Amino acid sequence: MDARILRIAVYTRVSTEEQAKEGFSLDAQLEKLKSYCKARDWIIADEYIDDGYSGRKTKRPAYNKMMNEMNKWDALLVIKMDRIHRNSKNFMLMMEQLNKNKKEFISMSESFDTSTAIGRFVMNIIQGIAQLESEQIGERVYIGMEQKAKSNGGVLGFNIPYGYDYYDGKLTINKSEGPVIKNIYSWYLDGKSMGEIVEMLNYGKVPTKNQGLWAKKMVSTILKNPIYCGYLHWEEYINKSDHEPIVDIKSFNAVQRSIANKGGNPTKILLENSSNWLPSVDRR
């Protein structure tokens, strides 16, 4: 054992269900862990006991207290890995937090100890498997979203854009933000630069959706987003939506041409009465 590990956070947990069905004893767990520490000359920094809490959730008072008191201990000790988490994702998130704070994890029964070379090796394997699972889930989600976009399946996952509210699966115009979108398009078509528009909005104390200050990137995103003329855009797919537009297609197209003429990178131009797209430079 690494001699630098001196202070141990001892964690024990038992759920109400386990108490009733399996007869788990907190006292028995605690006694074994204390003896384990004594045999290795480790100092017990504190004991954290969750009585009647499921390992599938992280909302446990003792667990949360322990993770907030990392400055008090060098290693976390449990009798079995399922005492700390019964959810692999939560376990990996905990391990990331421990690694970030240079803390070790030890499971007594499974001889799993991240302070040893073999323990770190096993941890790398576990993390690799978790990463593979995460990427596979991501791939499946992407395929599902692509299929939805191809079939014009409606709104895909995104942050609610400025100018709209999202309720019950539908986009509706926000009464205070909608007019701001119209002003942004109008100002730009009148010759104002994106930087000047930012200054006008901040000077007028117009809040962003997060109640913050405006930035040039935010105005650029608004001017290039076809959602404001009634279309939904995901990757290379564009679909007519049933939500109410804030600006008309002509204004949107005109803004894209203006952006292109100024050397910018516009969104492709919508053909009126069509779902086809053409690059701005082809529409001049």
Foldseek 3Di string as FASTA:
>chain_A
DPPVFAEEEEEFEDAPVCCVPPVDDRVVFVVVVVVVCVVVNHHYLYYFYFYRDAQADCPTVSNVVCLVPPVSGAEYEGQAPVRNHPDLVVVVVVVVSCVVVNHWYAHNNVRQTCVDPVNVVVVVVSVVVVVVVVVVVVVVLVVVVVVCLVVVVADDDDDQAFQWDADPRATAGDPVRLVLLVVLLVCVLVPDDLVNNQVVCVVVCPATPVRHGDDSVSSQCSLQACVQQQWDDDDPGIDGHPYDHSDHLVSSLSSQLVCVVVVHQHHFRDDPPDRDTDRNVVVD
